[in-house]
C-alpha atoms as a PDB file:
ATOM      1  CA  UNK A   1     100.571 112.576 125.815  1.00  0.00           C
ATOM      2  CA  UNK A   2      98.400 113.964 128.749  1.00  0.00           C
ATOM      3  CA  UNK A   3      98.830 117.326 127.952  1.00  0.00           C
ATOM      4  CA  UNK A   4      99.240 117.128 124.029  1.00  0.00           C
ATOM      5  CA  UNK A   5      95.833 114.749 123.666  1.00  0.00           C
ATOM      6  CA  UNK A   6      93.899 114.233 126.947  1.00  0.00           C
ATOM      7  CA  UNK A   7      94.088 117.734 128.699  1.00  0.00           C
ATOM      8  CA  UNK A   8      92.727 119.731 125.417  1.00  0.00           C
ATOM      9  CA  UNK A   9      90.001 117.509 124.848  1.00  0.00           C
ATOM     10  CA  UNK A  10      88.779 117.621 128.401  1.00  0.00           C
ATOM     11  CA  UNK A  11      89.146 121.116 128.584  1.00  0.00           C
ATOM     12  CA  UNK A  12      87.181 121.513 125.263  1.00  0.00           C
ATOM     13  CA  UNK A  13      84.434 119.391 126.361  1.00  0.00           C
ATOM     14  CA  UNK A  14      84.193 121.069 130.017  1.00  0.00           C
ATOM     15  CA  UNK A  15      84.221 124.538 128.404  1.00  0.00           C
ATOM     16  CA  UNK A  16      81.448 123.621 125.736  1.00  0.00           C
ATOM     17  CA  UNK A  17      79.221 121.928 128.614  1.00  0.00           C
ATOM     18  CA  UNK A  18      79.694 125.106 130.584  1.00  0.00           C
ATOM     19  CA  UNK A  19      78.659 126.960 128.135  1.00  0.00           C
ATOM     20  CA  UNK A  20      75.747 125.297 127.077  1.00  0.00           C
ATOM     21  CA  UNK A  21      74.500 125.070 130.599  1.00  0.00           C
ATOM     22  CA  UNK A  22      74.916 128.859 131.309  1.00  0.00           C
ATOM     23  CA  UNK A  23      73.405 130.154 127.978  1.00  0.00           C
ATOM     24  CA  UNK A  24      70.986 127.490 127.062  1.00  0.00           C
ATOM     25  CA  UNK A  25      68.613 124.822 128.297  1.00  0.00           C
ATOM     26  CA  UNK A  26      70.555 121.947 130.107  1.00  0.00           C
ATOM     27  CA  UNK A  27      68.894 119.707 127.600  1.00  0.00           C
ATOM     28  CA  UNK A  28      71.379 121.174 125.036  1.00  0.00           C
ATOM     29  CA  UNK A  29      74.249 119.927 127.314  1.00  0.00           C
ATOM     30  CA  UNK A  30      72.897 116.631 127.908  1.00  0.00           C
ATOM     31  CA  UNK A  31      72.318 116.069 123.880  1.00  0.00           C
ATOM     32  CA  UNK A  32      76.010 117.414 123.575  1.00  0.00           C
ATOM     33  CA  UNK A  33      77.199 114.906 126.255  1.00  0.00           C
ATOM     34  CA  UNK A  34      75.429 112.063 124.646  1.00  0.00           C
ATOM     35  CA  UNK A  35      76.431 112.851 121.246  1.00  0.00           C
ATOM     36  CA  UNK A  36      79.878 112.999 122.460  1.00  0.00           C
ATOM     37  CA  UNK A  37      79.896 109.776 124.601  1.00  0.00           C
ATOM     38  CA  UNK A  38      78.260 108.034 121.292  1.00  0.00           C
ATOM     39  CA  UNK A  39      81.222 109.094 119.007  1.00  0.00           C
ATOM     40  CA  UNK A  40      83.676 108.552 121.660  1.00  0.00           C
ATOM     41  CA  UNK A  41      82.676 104.822 121.742  1.00  0.00           C
ATOM     42  CA  UNK A  42      81.914 104.693 117.804  1.00  0.00           C
ATOM     43  CA  UNK A  43      85.772 105.693 117.476  1.00  0.00           C
ATOM     44  CA  UNK A  44      87.129 103.388 119.476  1.00  0.00           C
ATOM     45  CA  UNK A  45      85.580 100.392 118.557  1.00  0.00           C
ATOM     46  CA  UNK A  46      86.231 101.178 114.899  1.00  0.00           C
ATOM     47  CA  UNK A  47      89.694 101.792 115.907  1.00  0.00           C
ATOM     48  CA  UNK A  48      89.939  98.485 117.528  1.00  0.00           C
ATOM     49  CA  UNK A  49      88.294  96.681 114.468  1.00  0.00           C
ATOM     50  CA  UNK A  50      90.594  98.443 112.187  1.00  0.00           C
ATOM     51  CA  UNK A  51      93.775  97.284 113.992  1.00  0.00           C
ATOM     52  CA  UNK A  52      92.604  93.829 114.011  1.00  0.00           C
ATOM     53  CA  UNK A  53      92.270  93.756 110.250  1.00  0.00           C
ATOM     54  CA  UNK A  54      95.540  95.691 109.778  1.00  0.00           C
ATOM     55  CA  UNK A  55      97.258  93.143 112.160  1.00  0.00           C
ATOM     56  CA  UNK A  56      95.609  90.247 110.205  1.00  0.00           C
ATOM     57  CA  UNK A  57      96.691  91.675 107.047  1.00  0.00           C
ATOM     58  CA  UNK A  58     100.414  92.224 107.943  1.00  0.00           C
ATOM     59  CA  UNK A  59     100.504  88.479 109.387  1.00  0.00           C
ATOM     60  CA  UNK A  60      98.917  87.548 105.957  1.00  0.00           C
ATOM     61  CA  UNK A  61     101.655  89.385 104.101  1.00  0.00           C
ATOM     62  CA  UNK A  62     104.373  88.364 106.177  1.00  0.00           C
ATOM     63  CA  UNK A  63     103.363  84.626 105.722  1.00  0.00           C
ATOM     64  CA  UNK A  64     103.130  85.387 101.655  1.00  0.00           C
ATOM     65  CA  UNK A  65     106.675  86.640 101.517  1.00  0.00           C
ATOM     66  CA  UNK A  66     108.051  83.989 103.394  1.00  0.00           C
ATOM     67  CA  UNK A  67     106.422  81.175 101.078  1.00  0.00           C
ATOM     68  CA  UNK A  68     107.370  83.354  97.666  1.00  0.00           C
ATOM     69  CA  UNK A  69     111.026  83.549  99.163  1.00  0.00           C
ATOM     70  CA  UNK A  70     111.212  79.988 100.038  1.00  0.00           C
ATOM     71  CA  UNK A  71     109.631  78.951  96.733  1.00  0.00           C
ATOM     72  CA  UNK A  72     111.985  80.936  94.613  1.00  0.00           C
ATOM     73  CA  UNK A  73     114.903  79.690  96.538  1.00  0.00           C
ATOM     74  CA  UNK A  74     113.915  76.026  96.190  1.00  0.00           C
ATOM     75  CA  UNK A  75     113.538  76.462  92.390  1.00  0.00           C
ATOM     76  CA  UNK A  76     116.863  78.474  91.987  1.00  0.00           C
ATOM     77  CA  UNK A  77     118.306  75.316  94.134  1.00  0.00           C
ATOM     78  CA  UNK A  78     116.830  72.610  91.809  1.00  0.00           C
ATOM     79  CA  UNK A  79     118.098  74.684  88.929  1.00  0.00           C
ATOM     80  CA  UNK A  80     121.592  74.987  89.890  1.00  0.00           C
ATOM     81  CA  UNK A  81     121.961  71.478  90.772  1.00  0.00           C
ATOM     82  CA  UNK A  82     120.261  69.745  87.754  1.00  0.00           C
END
């Protein structure tokens, strides 16, 4: 996981910041870091929110499946024993 995800991102951000510091004003590097941090925070918060919605949806779907199967089971039991 580290070599496939964190290492390339860390290398990319470090290289980008160092090139911005070397070739331009440090304000560009600060702007880049703040935008990257804001994007990272937004992504993590939105992902957590989305995971919460997906868990809630799956729990509701599981409950609906259970109620539907019980309803059909009871219907056919009553139909069979009449």
